[in-house]
Protein backbone atom coordinates (compact mmCIF):
# COMPACT_ATOMS: atom_id res chain seq x y z
CA MET A 1 -2.94 -9.29 21.09
CA PRO A 2 -4.38 -12.76 21.17
CA PHE A 3 -7.51 -12.58 19.41
CA PRO A 4 -10.36 -15.89 20.35
CA ALA A 5 -10.18 -18.10 17.51
CA SER A 6 -14.20 -18.03 17.17
CA LEU A 7 -13.25 -14.73 15.40
CA GLY A 8 -11.91 -16.45 12.48
CA LEU A 9 -9.26 -14.85 10.65
CA PHE A 10 -10.35 -11.32 10.24
CA GLY A 11 -11.97 -10.82 13.41
CA LEU A 12 -11.27 -7.75 15.30
CA ALA A 13 -8.99 -6.33 12.38
CA LEU A 14 -10.86 -2.90 12.76
CA LEU A 15 -8.59 -2.70 16.21
CA PHE A 16 -5.63 -2.71 13.83
CA ALA A 17 -5.47 -2.10 10.23
CA ASP A 18 1.96 0.90 7.27
CA CYS A 19 4.91 0.01 5.50
CA GLN A 20 8.16 -1.11 6.55
CA ARG A 21 11.06 1.15 5.96
CA PRO A 22 4.63 -0.75 0.75
CA ALA A 23 -16.22 -9.08 -18.60
CA GLN A 24 -13.66 -11.80 -17.94
CA SER A 25 -10.27 -11.43 -19.64
CA SER A 26 -9.63 -14.06 -22.99
CA GLY A 27 -5.68 -13.05 -23.31
CA PRO A 28 -2.46 -11.17 -21.81
CA ALA A 29 -3.64 -7.80 -22.34
CA ALA A 30 -5.93 -6.35 -19.28
CA ALA A 31 -9.37 -6.15 -19.87
CA THR A 32 -11.81 -3.87 -17.58
CA VAL A 33 -15.24 -5.55 -16.87
CA GLN A 34 -17.77 -2.47 -16.54
CA PRO A 35 -19.70 -2.49 -12.67
CA GLN A 36 -23.46 -3.61 -12.55
CA THR A 37 -25.53 -2.34 -9.95
CA VAL A 38 -25.97 -4.07 -6.67
CA THR A 39 -27.43 -3.35 -3.19
CA SER A 40 -24.10 -3.25 -1.08
CA PRO A 41 -24.35 -2.91 3.06
CA PRO A 42 -23.04 0.50 4.29
CA GLN A 43 -19.24 0.86 5.05
CA VAL A 44 -18.03 -0.55 8.73
CA VAL A 45 -16.59 2.64 9.95
CA LEU A 46 -16.72 5.58 7.29
CA PRO A 47 -19.11 5.42 4.70
CA ALA A 48 -17.73 6.16 1.34
CA PRO A 49 -19.63 8.43 -0.80
CA ALA A 50 -23.14 7.54 -1.61
CA ALA A 51 -22.45 6.67 -5.56
CA LEU A 52 -18.82 5.56 -4.70
CA ARG A 53 -18.94 1.52 -5.02
CA VAL A 54 -15.71 -0.53 -4.40
CA GLY A 55 -14.94 -3.08 -6.97
CA ALA A 56 -15.60 -5.76 -4.36
CA GLU A 57 -19.38 -4.55 -4.06
CA GLN A 58 -19.63 -5.16 -7.82
CA PHE A 59 -20.97 -8.57 -7.68
CA GLY A 60 -22.30 -8.81 -10.83
CA ALA A 61 -19.20 -8.21 -12.44
CA TYR A 62 -17.21 -10.50 -10.75
CA LEU A 63 -19.09 -13.17 -9.30
CA PRO A 64 -19.37 -15.29 -12.96
CA LEU A 65 -15.91 -14.75 -13.34
CA LEU A 66 -15.52 -17.01 -10.93
CA LYS A 67 -18.02 -19.42 -10.95
CA GLY A 68 -16.74 -22.99 -11.12
CA LYS A 69 -13.27 -22.29 -11.04
CA ARG A 70 -10.85 -22.98 -7.85
CA VAL A 71 -9.91 -19.25 -6.33
CA GLY A 72 -7.03 -18.16 -4.13
CA VAL A 73 -7.68 -14.73 -2.10
CA VAL A 74 -5.16 -12.63 -1.68
CA VAL A 75 -6.70 -10.30 1.20
CA ASN A 76 -6.14 -8.50 4.47
CA GLN A 77 -8.27 -6.38 6.73
CA THR A 78 -9.41 -3.93 4.26
CA ALA A 79 -10.81 -6.58 2.18
CA ARG A 80 -14.41 -5.84 2.71
CA VAL A 81 -17.87 -5.87 1.30
CA GLY A 82 -20.08 -3.55 3.37
CA ARG A 83 -19.91 -5.15 7.08
CA ALA A 84 -18.18 -8.51 5.82
CA PHE A 85 -15.44 -9.24 4.96
CA LEU A 86 -14.45 -10.58 1.41
CA VAL A 87 -13.65 -14.00 2.37
CA ASP A 88 -16.57 -14.71 4.40
CA THR A 89 -18.66 -13.04 1.13
CA LEU A 90 -17.80 -15.43 -1.41
CA LEU A 91 -17.73 -18.29 0.80
CA ALA A 92 -21.51 -17.41 1.45
CA GLN A 93 -21.37 -17.36 -2.28
CA GLY A 94 -20.51 -21.00 -2.92
CA VAL A 95 -17.46 -19.55 -4.21
CA GLY A 96 -14.58 -22.29 -4.39
CA VAL A 97 -12.43 -20.53 -2.25
CA LYS A 98 -9.26 -22.91 -1.62
CA VAL A 99 -6.49 -20.74 0.03
CA ILE A 100 -6.04 -17.17 1.20
CA PHE A 101 -2.36 -15.16 0.88
CA GLY A 102 -1.64 -12.55 3.25
CA PRO A 103 1.05 -9.68 2.61
CA GLU A 104 3.02 -7.39 5.09
CA HIS A 105 1.20 -7.14 8.79
CA GLY A 106 -0.69 -10.42 7.72
CA PHE A 107 -4.31 -11.70 6.95
CA ARG A 108 -5.93 -9.27 9.96
CA GLY A 109 -3.51 -6.68 9.45
CA GLU A 110 -1.90 -6.36 13.35
CA ALA A 111 1.36 -7.70 12.48
CA ALA A 112 3.99 -5.17 13.56
CA ASP A 113 6.14 -3.22 11.17
CA GLY A 114 8.69 -5.63 9.21
CA ALA A 115 7.51 -8.73 11.25
CA THR A 116 7.84 -11.93 9.55
CA ILE A 117 4.20 -13.59 8.89
CA LYS A 118 4.09 -17.44 9.10
CA ASP A 119 1.67 -19.36 7.43
CA GLY A 120 -1.67 -21.12 9.40
CA ARG A 121 -4.91 -22.08 8.75
CA ASP A 122 -8.25 -19.74 9.21
CA ALA A 123 -10.27 -20.98 12.31
CA ARG A 124 -13.13 -20.10 10.89
CA SER A 125 -13.59 -21.57 7.52
CA GLY A 126 -10.36 -24.36 7.77
CA LEU A 127 -8.82 -22.42 4.90
CA PRO A 128 -4.97 -22.76 4.42
CA ALA A 129 -3.65 -19.19 5.27
CA LEU A 130 -0.50 -18.48 3.65
CA SER A 131 2.05 -15.58 4.55
CA LEU A 132 3.47 -13.42 1.17
CA TYR A 133 5.44 -11.38 3.59
CA GLY A 134 8.77 -12.95 4.71
CA ALA A 135 10.88 -15.62 3.50
CA THR A 136 8.07 -16.02 0.61
CA LYS A 137 7.13 -12.96 -1.09
CA LYS A 138 6.08 -14.21 -4.16
CA PRO A 139 3.42 -17.46 -4.29
CA THR A 140 5.27 -20.49 -5.24
CA PRO A 141 3.71 -23.07 -7.91
CA GLU A 142 3.13 -25.61 -5.19
CA MET A 143 1.18 -23.07 -3.36
CA ILE A 144 -0.89 -22.14 -6.25
CA LYS A 145 -1.19 -25.17 -8.36
CA ASP A 146 -4.76 -25.84 -6.94
CA VAL A 147 -6.07 -22.63 -8.09
CA ASP A 148 -7.24 -21.25 -11.36
CA VAL A 149 -7.70 -17.68 -10.04
CA LEU A 150 -6.05 -15.33 -7.98
CA VAL A 151 -8.44 -12.60 -6.76
CA PHE A 152 -6.78 -9.50 -5.11
CA ASP A 153 -8.49 -7.17 -3.06
CA ILE A 154 -5.95 -4.52 -0.51
CA GLN A 155 -6.36 -0.96 0.21
CA ASP A 156 -3.24 0.89 -1.38
CA VAL A 157 -2.79 4.03 0.13
CA GLY A 158 -0.67 5.45 -3.63
CA THR A 159 2.84 5.66 -2.53
CA ARG A 160 5.54 3.23 -3.96
CA PHE A 161 6.91 2.35 -1.21
CA TYR A 162 3.81 0.75 0.50
CA THR A 163 4.62 -2.91 0.10
CA PHE A 164 1.29 -4.52 -0.51
CA ILE A 165 1.70 -3.12 -4.52
CA SER A 166 5.23 -5.43 -4.53
CA THR A 167 2.93 -8.03 -2.97
CA MET A 168 0.61 -7.51 -6.19
CA HIS A 169 3.39 -7.27 -8.53
CA TYR A 170 4.59 -10.94 -7.53
CA VAL A 171 1.45 -12.68 -7.25
CA MET A 172 0.57 -11.19 -11.25
CA GLU A 173 4.10 -12.75 -11.79
CA ALA A 174 3.35 -16.24 -10.05
CA ALA A 175 0.23 -15.94 -12.20
CA ALA A 176 1.72 -15.47 -15.57
CA GLU A 177 4.79 -18.19 -14.81
CA ASN A 178 1.82 -20.54 -13.61
CA ASN A 179 -1.02 -19.94 -16.59
CA LYS A 180 -3.53 -18.24 -13.80
CA GLU A 181 -6.21 -15.64 -14.04
CA VAL A 182 -5.93 -12.57 -12.05
CA ILE A 183 -8.40 -10.33 -10.76
CA ILE A 184 -8.17 -7.12 -9.25
CA LEU A 185 -10.71 -5.62 -7.06
CA ASP A 186 -10.50 -1.97 -7.26
CA ARG A 187 -10.42 0.17 -4.58
CA PRO A 188 -9.71 4.31 -4.44
CA ASN A 189 -6.44 5.69 -3.74
CA PRO A 190 -6.45 8.64 -0.70
CA ASN A 191 -3.44 10.14 -2.76
CA GLY A 192 -4.40 9.75 -6.11
CA TRP A 193 -5.28 13.23 -6.60
CA TYR A 194 -2.01 14.30 -7.63
CA VAL A 195 1.52 12.79 -8.84
CA ASP A 196 4.74 13.90 -7.23
CA GLY A 197 8.38 12.76 -6.45
CA PRO A 198 11.29 11.30 -8.63
CA VAL A 199 10.62 8.04 -10.34
CA LEU A 200 12.47 4.98 -9.07
CA GLU A 201 16.17 4.33 -11.19
CA PRO A 202 16.63 0.65 -11.58
CA GLN A 203 19.63 0.61 -9.42
CA HIS A 204 17.72 1.24 -6.35
CA LYS A 205 14.90 -1.47 -6.87
CA SER A 206 13.52 -3.41 -3.89
CA PHE A 207 10.77 -4.97 -2.43
CA VAL A 208 9.61 -0.83 -1.36
CA GLY A 209 10.15 -0.05 -4.57
CA MET A 210 9.96 -2.03 -7.74
CA HIS A 211 8.92 -0.16 -10.51
CA PRO A 212 9.94 3.21 -12.45
CA ILE A 213 7.33 5.26 -11.39
CA PRO A 214 7.12 8.33 -8.58
CA VAL A 215 7.04 8.26 -5.19
CA VAL A 216 3.48 9.81 -5.32
CA HIS A 217 2.17 7.79 -8.75
CA GLY A 218 -1.59 8.72 -8.73
CA LEU A 219 -2.95 5.26 -9.70
CA THR A 220 -5.26 2.74 -7.86
CA VAL A 221 -3.95 -0.78 -7.73
CA GLY A 222 -6.13 -1.84 -10.61
CA GLU A 223 -4.71 0.75 -12.82
CA LEU A 224 -1.22 0.24 -12.05
CA ALA A 225 -1.51 -3.00 -12.35
CA LYS A 226 -2.55 -2.71 -16.25
CA MET A 227 0.64 -0.95 -16.21
CA ILE A 228 2.66 -3.25 -14.71
CA ASN A 229 0.95 -5.62 -17.43
CA GLY A 230 0.96 -3.35 -20.21
CA GLU A 231 4.20 -2.32 -19.85
CA LYS A 232 5.73 -5.89 -19.58
CA TRP A 233 7.34 -5.00 -15.76
CA LEU A 234 7.13 -8.92 -14.56
CA ALA A 235 10.01 -11.11 -14.87
CA GLY A 236 10.66 -11.73 -18.60
CA GLY A 237 8.35 -9.31 -19.91
CA ARG A 238 5.99 -12.02 -19.18
CA GLN A 239 1.92 -10.89 -19.04
CA CYS A 240 -0.83 -12.29 -16.89
CA ARG A 241 -4.39 -12.78 -17.79
CA LEU A 242 -5.48 -9.68 -15.97
CA THR A 243 -8.95 -8.04 -15.41
CA VAL A 244 -9.81 -4.88 -13.05
CA ILE A 245 -13.10 -4.63 -11.56
CA PRO A 246 -13.63 -1.21 -10.97
CA VAL A 247 -14.95 1.13 -8.67
CA GLN A 248 -18.37 3.08 -9.11
CA GLY A 249 -18.39 6.37 -8.99
CA TYR A 250 -14.66 7.31 -8.29
CA THR A 251 -12.43 10.16 -9.82
CA HIS A 252 -8.84 11.02 -9.14
CA ALA A 253 -10.37 14.22 -7.61
CA THR A 254 -12.39 11.93 -5.09
CA ARG A 255 -11.01 13.00 -1.83
CA TYR A 256 -11.79 9.18 0.03
CA GLU A 257 -11.55 8.72 3.31
CA LEU A 258 -10.43 5.12 4.33
CA PRO A 259 -13.11 2.96 6.07
CA VAL A 260 -10.28 0.57 7.59
CA ARG A 261 -7.29 1.58 9.06
CA PRO A 262 -4.74 0.31 6.00
CA SER A 263 -1.91 -1.22 8.40
CA PRO A 264 -1.27 -0.56 12.28
CA ASN A 265 1.03 2.84 11.68
CA LEU A 266 -1.57 4.87 9.70
CA PRO A 267 -4.61 5.33 11.74
CA ASN A 268 -6.17 7.76 10.52
CA ALA A 269 -6.89 9.95 7.04
CA HIS A 270 -4.15 13.08 8.19
CA SER A 271 -1.56 10.06 8.71
CA VAL A 272 -2.38 8.54 5.45
CA ALA A 273 -2.18 12.22 3.63
CA LEU A 274 1.73 12.74 5.69
CA TYR A 275 3.02 9.16 4.57
CA PRO A 276 4.21 10.26 1.22
CA SER A 277 6.84 12.99 2.70
CA VAL A 278 7.40 11.37 5.98
CA CYS A 279 8.01 8.32 5.07
CA LEU A 280 11.19 9.62 3.66
CA PHE A 281 12.86 9.92 7.33
CA GLU A 282 12.48 6.13 7.75
CA GLY A 283 15.77 6.43 5.57
CA THR A 284 17.55 8.62 8.41
CA ASP A 285 18.36 8.79 12.60
CA VAL A 286 14.80 10.33 12.75
CA SER A 287 11.50 9.08 14.52
CA VAL A 288 8.40 9.38 12.31
CA GLY A 289 6.56 8.45 15.45
CA ARG A 290 6.67 4.82 15.77
CA GLY A 291 5.62 3.45 19.23
CA THR A 292 3.84 6.96 19.79
CA ASP A 293 -0.04 7.27 19.58
CA SER A 294 0.53 9.45 16.30
CA PRO A 295 2.70 7.18 14.08
CA PHE A 296 3.53 8.92 10.56
CA GLU A 297 2.11 12.40 12.33
CA VAL A 298 5.38 13.28 14.50
CA ILE A 299 8.72 13.63 13.88
CA GLY A 300 11.75 13.70 15.61
CA ALA A 301 15.21 12.72 16.98
CA PRO A 302 17.96 13.02 19.68
CA THR A 303 19.70 14.63 17.18
CA GLN A 304 17.68 17.61 16.78
CA PRO A 305 18.00 20.94 18.91
CA SER A 306 16.20 20.24 22.48
CA THR A 307 14.71 23.75 20.99
CA ARG A 308 12.22 22.34 19.29
CA PRO A 309 8.41 23.22 19.34
CA TYR A 310 7.40 19.37 20.24
CA SER A 311 9.19 16.18 21.78
CA PHE A 312 8.17 12.50 22.17
CA THR A 313 10.03 9.33 23.20
CA PRO A 314 9.00 6.15 21.33
CA ARG A 315 8.13 3.17 23.56
CA PRO A 316 6.83 -0.45 21.97
CA ASN A 317 3.70 -0.88 21.04
CA ALA A 318 1.45 -3.27 19.06
CA GLY A 319 2.33 -1.84 15.76
CA SER A 320 6.01 -1.40 17.04
CA PRO A 321 7.66 -3.58 19.27
CA THR A 322 11.17 -2.04 18.25
CA PRO A 323 10.65 1.52 17.36
CA PRO A 324 13.27 3.24 15.89
CA GLN A 325 14.71 5.62 18.60
CA ASN A 326 13.44 3.41 21.29
CA GLY A 327 13.08 5.05 24.78
CA LYS A 328 15.34 7.80 23.64
CA LEU A 329 13.82 11.53 23.92
CA CYS A 330 13.23 13.24 20.49
CA TYR A 331 13.02 16.73 19.57
CA GLY A 332 10.86 17.78 16.54
CA LEU A 333 7.57 18.65 15.18
CA ASP A 334 4.03 17.76 15.69
CA LEU A 335 2.48 18.09 12.39
CA ARG A 336 -1.21 16.54 13.28
CA GLY A 337 -2.50 20.41 12.58
CA SER A 338 -1.39 20.45 9.37
CA GLY A 339 -4.58 19.55 7.11
CA ASN A 340 -5.04 16.43 4.75
CA GLU A 341 -4.26 17.65 1.40
CA VAL A 342 -0.42 18.41 2.19
CA GLY A 343 0.89 16.73 -1.10
CA PHE A 344 4.32 15.59 -1.06
CA THR A 345 6.99 17.83 0.05
CA LEU A 346 10.58 17.88 1.10
CA LYS A 347 10.64 20.70 3.14
CA TYR A 348 11.05 18.86 6.18
CA LEU A 349 13.48 16.51 5.09
CA ILE A 350 15.85 19.66 4.04
CA ASP A 351 14.72 21.43 7.50
CA PHE A 352 15.89 18.09 9.88
CA TYR A 353 19.14 17.71 7.96
CA GLN A 354 20.05 21.56 8.54
CA GLN A 355 19.60 20.85 12.24
CA SER A 356 20.96 18.03 12.63
CA THR A 357 23.83 17.66 15.05
CA ALA A 358 25.12 14.73 13.52
CA LYS A 359 24.71 15.38 9.82
CA ASP A 360 27.37 12.49 9.08
CA LYS A 361 24.69 10.06 10.83
CA PHE A 362 21.68 11.50 9.60
CA PHE A 363 21.27 9.36 6.46
CA GLY A 364 21.22 5.91 6.26
CA LYS A 365 21.59 2.96 3.19
CA TYR A 366 18.00 2.85 3.32
CA PHE A 367 17.35 6.29 2.18
CA GLU A 368 18.10 5.84 -1.51
CA GLN A 369 15.31 2.81 -1.66
CA LEU A 370 12.59 4.89 -0.55
CA THR A 371 13.59 8.03 -2.59
CA GLY A 372 14.54 5.88 -5.40
CA THR A 373 17.43 8.10 -6.74
CA ARG A 374 20.75 8.49 -5.36
CA SER A 375 20.66 12.41 -6.54
CA VAL A 376 18.00 13.45 -3.65
CA ARG A 377 20.47 12.89 -0.65
CA GLU A 378 23.34 14.52 -2.75
CA GLN A 379 21.03 17.54 -3.17
CA VAL A 380 20.14 18.13 0.41
CA MET A 381 23.63 17.49 1.75
CA ALA A 382 24.82 20.54 -1.03
CA GLY A 383 22.12 22.70 0.56
CA LYS A 384 19.89 22.86 -2.31
CA SER A 385 16.47 24.42 -2.01
CA GLU A 386 13.28 22.21 -2.61
CA ALA A 387 12.40 23.94 -6.14
CA GLU A 388 16.13 23.18 -6.98
CA ILE A 389 15.95 19.64 -6.01
CA ARG A 390 12.58 19.33 -7.94
CA ALA A 391 13.50 20.55 -10.88
CA SER A 392 16.04 17.64 -11.07
CA TRP A 393 13.54 15.37 -11.03
CA GLU A 394 10.45 16.88 -13.45
CA PRO A 395 11.81 15.40 -16.89
CA GLY A 396 11.09 12.23 -15.39
CA LEU A 397 8.08 12.85 -13.49
CA LYS A 398 6.83 14.37 -16.96
CA ALA A 399 7.61 11.42 -18.74
CA TYR A 400 5.32 9.26 -16.47
CA LYS A 401 2.49 11.73 -16.63
CA VAL A 402 2.50 11.08 -20.22
CA LEU A 403 2.96 7.03 -19.58
CA ARG A 404 -0.08 7.38 -16.68
CA LYS A 405 -2.50 8.25 -19.03
CA LYS A 406 -2.47 5.08 -21.04
CA TYR A 407 -3.63 3.03 -18.19
CA LEU A 408 -6.15 5.38 -16.37
CA LEU A 409 -9.39 3.99 -15.55
CA TYR A 410 -10.87 6.86 -14.07
CA PRO A 411 -11.23 10.70 -15.14
CA GLU A 412 -9.11 12.89 -13.36
CA SER A 413 -11.94 15.53 -12.30
């Protein structure tokens, strides 16, 4: 969908906002700057709780760190300060922004799932706008040679396979290798109230799963950045100079509804809540509703019984030009009435495998990249119950929960 050039890099981003089948630090250890009180405009779509202020709104905490620095920003349409986009806000404050980097779905967030994003230039500011999705996922030395600090401000949804955290990893890695600073402007995790799922095994590492963390990791991007740095998960065991600007008034019990959709196929709070469980179908022959008006809220496949209570036919749209099962009648379930606090479950996966009329074609190679382990596929095929499958990943999950506590910036309740 074309946009008028006068709207600049982020114009009309709210129309589109999913993941393809994802005090200054003086040393390598992460540091946390305590937020200061500032006056911030209201949120764009949905107001945040009155006492909650995201990292980007903590001007007193991070603007001094940018004074006199050459700045690169890693952002998408979610990087807002009230009604303003972060890039516009920084420029208005006299910050020396030199380059803009964008993740999957591009700088405005309107690109389709998995689409290759091309480099360009922001029509409003004239700044170079470079892609970190496609051929170049990690900033090259040439891309960041003219910056001193990289500012990351992208809304996450709290799952291992949502690729924005992979982009953050590569930004931190490039910074460590090229002696650049990284500042994370933290935001709440809408699925941050729980931790669940199998922990990723090294042999299944990919761009949709880079770290030994569970499917639902229960961290904000700032907390995860601290874990990545502290556990030396960057290439060569390096650590970057990291500063996290925390959210004010947030706890992991906070229920946070995103003011801007984080990507084209996560249009509302309910789809975000279902995403950890439903995204596993991306590694199967089951459609998750891409190419419909309710992505990640409806599931179905031609290989399911026609007696299923709901059916739909995926068609190309702005978020999915070539959706899985395109043009085919899919039988399945409408999950739109299931509530937002659904947590992570395998019940849909087990049910759909058991009722599949083509079990030999149900799972695809991509499935292990999502689950992070071979065991889930094997256990589902063997007819194991969800309780039995959960018991198998519990030791790894328990160990992760202990590790997680070392890096929490926010209380659990």
